Amino acid sequence: MVKALSALRSQEEALARARRLVGRAEARCRELGVGLAAAYIVGSRARGDYAAHSDVDLVLVVRGVRDVNPLDRLRMFMDLLEPGVELRVYDVEEWNSDGVWAKELRSEAVELWPHATATTGKHDER
């Protein structure tokens, strides 16, 4: 099935919003003394079954938030959000866990921020 031009344009716009957020999130992580390990798109935008009106589901994998309440993790980045971006924040260990939800998210995840890997938490040299 071929995507309508409007849906393809919406994909470009959604990814641009997500990339802008990731750039701001990286700076916020530095300010807070935590580290952005990786960022991924999940959901319909990652799977390719999106419609023109679909939001973009963004996962930030952050080192140093393991003991932070999940709602407080979101609050760390809420003022950075743009319309149409849904955010999830996970610790590296949570993201790499054997849990069903983690495996499902990883199976569809498309890496958006390739400067680091969530597995090692170290910057790669791309």
Protein backbone atom coordinates (compact mmCIF):
# COMPACT_ATOMS: atom_id res chain seq x y z
CA MET A 1 0.00 0.00 0.00
CA VAL A 2 1.35 3.40 -0.98
CA LYS A 3 1.20 6.20 1.57
CA ALA A 4 -0.63 9.38 0.65
CA LEU A 5 1.62 12.38 0.14
CA SER A 6 0.04 14.08 3.16
CA ALA A 7 0.96 11.09 5.36
CA LEU A 8 4.54 11.13 4.07
CA ARG A 9 4.83 14.85 4.78
CA SER A 10 3.40 14.29 8.24
CA GLN A 11 6.10 11.65 8.85
CA GLU A 12 8.83 14.14 7.95
CA GLU A 13 7.29 16.77 10.22
CA ALA A 14 6.82 14.30 13.09
CA LEU A 15 10.43 13.12 12.86
CA ALA A 16 11.65 16.73 12.79
CA ARG A 17 9.67 17.46 15.98
CA ALA A 18 11.12 14.36 17.63
CA ARG A 19 14.69 15.26 16.60
CA ARG A 20 14.29 18.79 17.98
CA LEU A 21 13.06 17.34 21.27
CA VAL A 22 15.98 14.91 21.43
CA GLY A 23 18.44 17.78 20.98
CA ARG A 24 16.81 19.72 23.81
CA ALA A 25 16.59 16.55 25.94
CA GLU A 26 20.31 15.92 25.52
CA ALA A 27 21.04 19.42 26.84
CA ARG A 28 18.55 18.95 29.70
CA CYS A 29 20.22 15.68 30.68
CA ARG A 30 23.57 17.45 30.93
CA GLU A 31 21.98 20.17 33.09
CA LEU A 32 20.50 17.54 35.43
CA GLY A 33 23.63 15.41 35.67
CA VAL A 34 22.14 12.39 33.92
CA GLY A 35 23.03 10.99 30.52
CA LEU A 36 21.01 10.46 27.37
CA ALA A 37 21.98 6.98 26.21
CA ALA A 38 19.68 6.72 23.21
CA ALA A 39 16.44 7.90 21.66
CA TYR A 40 14.01 5.80 19.64
CA ILE A 41 10.78 6.19 17.75
CA VAL A 42 8.25 3.45 18.55
CA GLY A 43 4.61 2.89 17.67
CA SER A 44 2.95 3.50 14.33
CA ARG A 45 5.59 5.96 13.11
CA ALA A 46 8.28 3.32 13.67
CA ARG A 47 6.23 0.45 12.22
CA GLY A 48 5.15 2.44 9.17
CA ASP A 49 1.42 1.98 9.77
CA TYR A 50 0.87 5.64 10.71
CA ALA A 51 -1.75 7.99 9.32
CA ALA A 52 -1.30 11.70 8.63
CA HIS A 53 -2.73 12.58 12.05
CA SER A 54 -0.68 10.01 14.06
CA ASP A 55 1.46 11.27 16.91
CA VAL A 56 5.09 10.27 17.28
CA ASP A 57 6.00 8.06 20.25
CA LEU A 58 9.47 8.93 21.46
CA VAL A 59 11.50 6.86 23.92
CA LEU A 60 14.40 8.44 25.75
CA VAL A 61 16.79 5.97 27.38
CA VAL A 62 18.51 7.87 30.17
CA ARG A 63 21.37 6.84 32.45
CA GLY A 64 20.96 7.86 36.07
CA VAL A 65 17.16 7.81 36.44
CA ARG A 66 16.70 4.30 37.77
CA ASP A 67 15.56 5.52 41.19
CA VAL A 68 13.45 8.36 39.82
CA ASN A 69 9.68 7.91 39.80
CA PRO A 70 8.39 7.45 36.20
CA LEU A 71 6.16 10.54 36.49
CA ASP A 72 9.09 12.62 37.72
CA ARG A 73 11.12 11.38 34.75
CA LEU A 74 8.47 12.77 32.41
CA ARG A 75 8.40 16.05 34.33
CA MET A 76 12.11 16.43 33.64
CA PHE A 77 11.27 16.93 29.95
CA MET A 78 7.63 18.12 29.86
CA ASP A 79 8.46 21.75 29.09
CA LEU A 80 10.43 20.59 26.04
CA LEU A 81 7.54 18.74 24.37
CA GLU A 82 5.93 19.84 21.15
CA PRO A 83 2.39 18.99 20.09
CA GLY A 84 2.09 15.53 18.59
CA VAL A 85 4.99 14.01 20.54
CA GLU A 86 4.29 11.40 23.21
CA LEU A 87 7.25 10.79 25.50
CA ARG A 88 8.42 7.77 27.48
CA VAL A 89 11.57 7.82 29.64
CA TYR A 90 13.35 4.62 30.64
CA ASP A 91 16.55 3.80 32.46
CA VAL A 92 19.10 1.79 30.45
CA GLU A 93 18.48 -1.32 32.56
CA GLU A 94 14.70 -1.08 32.08
CA TRP A 95 15.08 -0.62 28.33
CA ASN A 96 17.34 -3.66 28.08
CA SER A 97 15.25 -5.86 30.39
CA ASP A 98 13.70 -9.17 29.41
CA GLY A 99 10.20 -7.91 30.19
CA VAL A 100 7.55 -8.45 27.53
CA TRP A 101 6.85 -4.71 27.15
CA ALA A 102 10.55 -3.91 26.75
CA LYS A 103 11.07 -6.64 24.17
CA GLU A 104 8.01 -5.44 22.24
CA LEU A 105 9.17 -1.82 22.21
CA ARG A 106 12.71 -2.77 21.19
CA SER A 107 11.39 -4.98 18.38
CA GLU A 108 9.78 -2.00 16.66
CA ALA A 109 12.16 0.75 17.79
CA VAL A 110 13.87 2.92 15.20
CA GLU A 111 16.98 4.63 16.49
CA LEU A 112 16.67 8.40 16.28
CA TRP A 113 19.68 9.49 18.26
CA PRO A 114 22.59 7.31 17.15
CA HIS A 115 25.39 8.95 19.11
CA ALA A 116 25.18 6.40 21.91
CA THR A 117 23.92 2.88 22.42
CA ALA A 118 21.43 1.97 25.11
CA THR A 119 23.20 -1.34 25.59
CA THR A 120 26.55 0.11 26.64
CA GLY A 121 25.56 3.67 27.46
CA LYS A 122 28.80 4.76 25.79
CA HIS A 123 29.12 7.07 22.84
CA ASP A 124 29.96 5.40 19.60
CA GLU A 125 32.22 6.97 17.00
CA ARG A 126 29.89 7.45 14.02
